[in-house]
Amino acid sequence: MPKIGYGSNHLTRHMTPSGHKVLLVHNAREVDLLLMHAGRFAAEIAHAVSSRKRIEILARAKVLGVKVTNAAGKLRTEEAI
């Protein structure tokens, strides 16, 4: 039988080290969902989103004051040698 004791605290479950819970977003309209919950939730851009759409999502998140956890992904134009 499974035993209790290895789970995390229910108040801090699914939280990042910054204290936010993560919401996966695929387009700029989904960032608007975080308007009222910007202090509690952070946006995470989905894996398959292109760099052009990522720029739009980041611009909308900046206007709304929403934290984006993977803001630097797919935005470099050249790789460092």
N, C-alpha and C. Protein backbone atom coordinates (compact mmCIF):
# COMPACT_ATOMS: atom_id res chain seq x y z
N MET A 1 0.83 -1.19 0.00
CA MET A 1 0.00 0.00 0.00
C MET A 1 0.87 1.25 0.00
N PRO A 2 0.48 2.28 -0.72
CA PRO A 2 1.25 3.52 -0.69
C PRO A 2 1.13 4.18 0.68
N LYS A 3 2.19 4.84 1.06
CA LYS A 3 2.21 5.51 2.36
C LYS A 3 2.25 7.01 2.18
N ILE A 4 1.61 7.70 3.05
CA ILE A 4 1.61 9.15 3.03
C ILE A 4 2.96 9.64 3.55
N GLY A 5 3.38 10.80 3.13
CA GLY A 5 4.61 11.34 3.67
C GLY A 5 5.58 11.81 2.62
N TYR A 6 5.41 11.40 1.37
CA TYR A 6 6.35 11.81 0.35
C TYR A 6 5.78 12.90 -0.56
N GLY A 7 4.58 13.36 -0.31
CA GLY A 7 4.00 14.43 -1.11
C GLY A 7 4.46 15.78 -0.63
N SER A 8 4.30 16.78 -1.46
CA SER A 8 4.67 18.13 -1.05
C SER A 8 3.48 18.81 -0.38
N ASN A 9 3.75 19.91 0.28
CA ASN A 9 2.71 20.65 0.97
C ASN A 9 1.66 21.11 -0.04
N HIS A 10 0.39 21.01 0.30
CA HIS A 10 -0.66 21.35 -0.67
C HIS A 10 -0.71 22.84 -0.97
N LEU A 11 -0.16 23.68 -0.11
CA LEU A 11 -0.15 25.12 -0.39
C LEU A 11 0.93 25.49 -1.41
N THR A 12 1.99 24.71 -1.49
CA THR A 12 3.09 25.03 -2.39
C THR A 12 3.24 24.02 -3.53
N ARG A 13 2.29 23.12 -3.70
CA ARG A 13 2.37 22.12 -4.76
C ARG A 13 2.26 22.80 -6.12
N HIS A 14 3.03 22.38 -7.09
CA HIS A 14 3.06 22.89 -8.47
C HIS A 14 3.60 24.31 -8.56
N MET A 15 4.30 24.80 -7.56
CA MET A 15 4.88 26.14 -7.62
C MET A 15 6.31 26.09 -8.11
N THR A 16 6.71 27.13 -8.82
CA THR A 16 8.10 27.28 -9.22
C THR A 16 8.87 27.88 -8.06
N PRO A 17 10.20 27.88 -8.10
CA PRO A 17 10.97 28.50 -7.02
C PRO A 17 10.69 30.01 -6.85
N SER A 18 10.18 30.66 -7.88
CA SER A 18 9.86 32.08 -7.75
C SER A 18 8.53 32.31 -7.04
N GLY A 19 7.78 31.24 -6.78
CA GLY A 19 6.52 31.37 -6.07
C GLY A 19 5.30 31.46 -6.96
N HIS A 20 5.46 31.25 -8.26
CA HIS A 20 4.35 31.32 -9.20
C HIS A 20 3.93 29.91 -9.63
N LYS A 21 2.68 29.78 -10.01
CA LYS A 21 2.22 28.57 -10.69
C LYS A 21 2.29 28.87 -12.18
N VAL A 22 2.43 27.84 -13.01
CA VAL A 22 2.70 28.02 -14.43
C VAL A 22 1.44 27.76 -15.25
N LEU A 23 1.18 28.64 -16.23
CA LEU A 23 0.11 28.44 -17.19
C LEU A 23 0.74 28.41 -18.58
N LEU A 24 0.51 27.34 -19.31
CA LEU A 24 1.07 27.18 -20.65
C LEU A 24 0.27 28.01 -21.64
N VAL A 25 0.95 28.86 -22.41
CA VAL A 25 0.26 29.71 -23.39
C VAL A 25 0.76 29.39 -24.79
N HIS A 26 -0.16 29.49 -25.76
CA HIS A 26 0.16 29.21 -27.15
C HIS A 26 0.03 30.44 -28.03
N ASN A 27 -0.70 31.47 -27.57
CA ASN A 27 -0.84 32.70 -28.35
C ASN A 27 -1.01 33.88 -27.41
N ALA A 28 -1.02 35.08 -27.97
CA ALA A 28 -1.05 36.30 -27.16
C ALA A 28 -2.39 36.47 -26.44
N ARG A 29 -3.46 35.93 -26.99
CA ARG A 29 -4.77 36.06 -26.32
C ARG A 29 -4.82 35.27 -25.02
N GLU A 30 -4.08 34.19 -24.93
CA GLU A 30 -4.08 33.39 -23.71
C GLU A 30 -3.35 34.09 -22.57
N VAL A 31 -2.50 35.05 -22.88
CA VAL A 31 -1.83 35.82 -21.83
C VAL A 31 -2.84 36.71 -21.12
N ASP A 32 -3.91 37.11 -21.83
CA ASP A 32 -4.93 37.95 -21.21
C ASP A 32 -5.63 37.26 -20.06
N LEU A 33 -5.61 35.93 -20.01
CA LEU A 33 -6.20 35.19 -18.91
C LEU A 33 -5.49 35.48 -17.59
N LEU A 34 -4.23 35.88 -17.68
CA LEU A 34 -3.43 36.11 -16.48
C LEU A 34 -3.50 37.55 -16.00
N LEU A 35 -4.36 38.35 -16.59
CA LEU A 35 -4.44 39.76 -16.23
C LEU A 35 -4.76 39.94 -14.75
N MET A 36 -5.73 39.22 -14.24
CA MET A 36 -6.13 39.36 -12.84
C MET A 36 -5.29 38.50 -11.89
N HIS A 37 -4.50 37.57 -12.44
CA HIS A 37 -3.74 36.64 -11.61
C HIS A 37 -2.24 36.75 -11.84
N ALA A 38 -1.75 37.93 -12.20
CA ALA A 38 -0.34 38.09 -12.54
C ALA A 38 0.57 37.84 -11.34
N GLY A 39 0.09 38.08 -10.14
CA GLY A 39 0.92 37.85 -8.96
C GLY A 39 1.04 36.39 -8.58
N ARG A 40 0.09 35.57 -8.99
CA ARG A 40 0.06 34.17 -8.60
C ARG A 40 0.54 33.24 -9.70
N PHE A 41 0.25 33.58 -10.96
CA PHE A 41 0.59 32.71 -12.08
C PHE A 41 1.65 33.36 -12.96
N ALA A 42 2.44 32.53 -13.61
CA ALA A 42 3.41 32.96 -14.60
C ALA A 42 3.10 32.24 -15.90
N ALA A 43 3.37 32.89 -17.02
CA ALA A 43 3.14 32.28 -18.32
C ALA A 43 4.37 31.49 -18.73
N GLU A 44 4.13 30.37 -19.38
CA GLU A 44 5.22 29.61 -19.99
C GLU A 44 4.83 29.37 -21.43
N ILE A 45 5.67 29.80 -22.36
CA ILE A 45 5.37 29.69 -23.78
C ILE A 45 5.56 28.24 -24.20
N ALA A 46 4.61 27.72 -24.96
CA ALA A 46 4.63 26.32 -25.38
C ALA A 46 5.81 26.05 -26.30
N HIS A 47 6.17 24.81 -26.37
CA HIS A 47 7.35 24.36 -27.13
C HIS A 47 7.24 24.66 -28.62
N ALA A 48 6.07 24.48 -29.21
CA ALA A 48 5.91 24.56 -30.66
C ALA A 48 5.61 25.97 -31.18
N VAL A 49 5.70 26.99 -30.34
CA VAL A 49 5.39 28.35 -30.77
C VAL A 49 6.60 28.93 -31.48
N SER A 50 6.36 29.58 -32.61
CA SER A 50 7.45 30.14 -33.41
C SER A 50 8.04 31.39 -32.75
N SER A 51 9.19 31.81 -33.25
CA SER A 51 9.84 32.98 -32.66
C SER A 51 9.04 34.26 -32.93
N ARG A 52 8.35 34.34 -34.05
CA ARG A 52 7.54 35.52 -34.35
C ARG A 52 6.39 35.65 -33.36
N LYS A 53 5.72 34.55 -33.06
CA LYS A 53 4.63 34.57 -32.09
C LYS A 53 5.15 34.78 -30.67
N ARG A 54 6.37 34.28 -30.39
CA ARG A 54 6.96 34.49 -29.08
C ARG A 54 7.18 35.98 -28.80
N ILE A 55 7.58 36.72 -29.82
CA ILE A 55 7.79 38.16 -29.66
C ILE A 55 6.47 38.84 -29.34
N GLU A 56 5.39 38.43 -29.99
CA GLU A 56 4.07 39.00 -29.70
C GLU A 56 3.62 38.66 -28.28
N ILE A 57 3.85 37.43 -27.86
CA ILE A 57 3.46 37.01 -26.51
C ILE A 57 4.24 37.80 -25.47
N LEU A 58 5.54 37.96 -25.69
CA LEU A 58 6.37 38.70 -24.74
C LEU A 58 5.97 40.16 -24.65
N ALA A 59 5.60 40.76 -25.79
CA ALA A 59 5.16 42.15 -25.77
C ALA A 59 3.87 42.30 -24.99
N ARG A 60 2.93 41.38 -25.19
CA ARG A 60 1.65 41.44 -24.47
C ARG A 60 1.86 41.19 -22.97
N ALA A 61 2.75 40.27 -22.63
CA ALA A 61 3.03 39.99 -21.22
C ALA A 61 3.68 41.19 -20.53
N LYS A 62 4.51 41.89 -21.25
CA LYS A 62 5.16 43.07 -20.67
C LYS A 62 4.14 44.17 -20.39
N VAL A 63 3.19 44.35 -21.29
CA VAL A 63 2.14 45.35 -21.10
C VAL A 63 1.29 45.01 -19.88
N LEU A 64 0.98 43.73 -19.71
CA LEU A 64 0.11 43.31 -18.61
C LEU A 64 0.87 43.09 -17.30
N GLY A 65 2.19 43.06 -17.35
CA GLY A 65 2.98 42.83 -16.15
C GLY A 65 3.00 41.38 -15.72
N VAL A 66 2.97 40.46 -16.69
CA VAL A 66 2.97 39.03 -16.41
C VAL A 66 4.38 38.49 -16.58
N LYS A 67 4.82 37.66 -15.64
CA LYS A 67 6.14 37.03 -15.73
C LYS A 67 6.08 35.87 -16.72
N VAL A 68 7.12 35.76 -17.56
CA VAL A 68 7.24 34.66 -18.52
C VAL A 68 8.46 33.84 -18.11
N THR A 69 8.26 32.55 -17.88
CA THR A 69 9.35 31.73 -17.35
C THR A 69 10.43 31.42 -18.39
N ASN A 70 10.05 31.21 -19.64
CA ASN A 70 11.05 30.87 -20.67
C ASN A 70 11.09 31.98 -21.73
N ALA A 71 11.34 33.19 -21.30
CA ALA A 71 11.28 34.35 -22.18
C ALA A 71 12.42 34.37 -23.21
N ALA A 72 13.53 33.76 -22.93
CA ALA A 72 14.68 33.84 -23.82
C ALA A 72 14.72 32.73 -24.86
N GLY A 73 13.79 31.81 -24.85
CA GLY A 73 13.81 30.68 -25.77
C GLY A 73 13.51 31.06 -27.21
N LYS A 74 14.29 30.55 -28.13
CA LYS A 74 14.12 30.73 -29.58
C LYS A 74 14.19 32.18 -30.04
N LEU A 75 14.85 33.05 -29.30
CA LEU A 75 14.90 34.46 -29.70
C LEU A 75 16.29 34.90 -30.15
N ARG A 76 17.27 34.07 -30.05
CA ARG A 76 18.61 34.44 -30.52
C ARG A 76 18.69 34.34 -32.03
N THR A 77 19.31 35.31 -32.65
CA THR A 77 19.44 35.27 -34.10
C THR A 77 20.68 34.51 -34.54
N GLU A 78 21.74 34.54 -33.74
CA GLU A 78 22.95 33.80 -34.07
C GLU A 78 23.43 33.06 -32.83
N GLU A 79 24.00 31.90 -33.06
CA GLU A 79 24.56 31.12 -31.96
C GLU A 79 25.94 31.64 -31.62
N ALA A 80 26.29 31.63 -30.36
CA ALA A 80 27.62 32.03 -29.92
C ALA A 80 28.62 30.94 -30.28
N ILE A 81 29.78 31.34 -30.73
CA ILE A 81 30.81 30.37 -31.14
C ILE A 81 31.67 30.01 -29.97
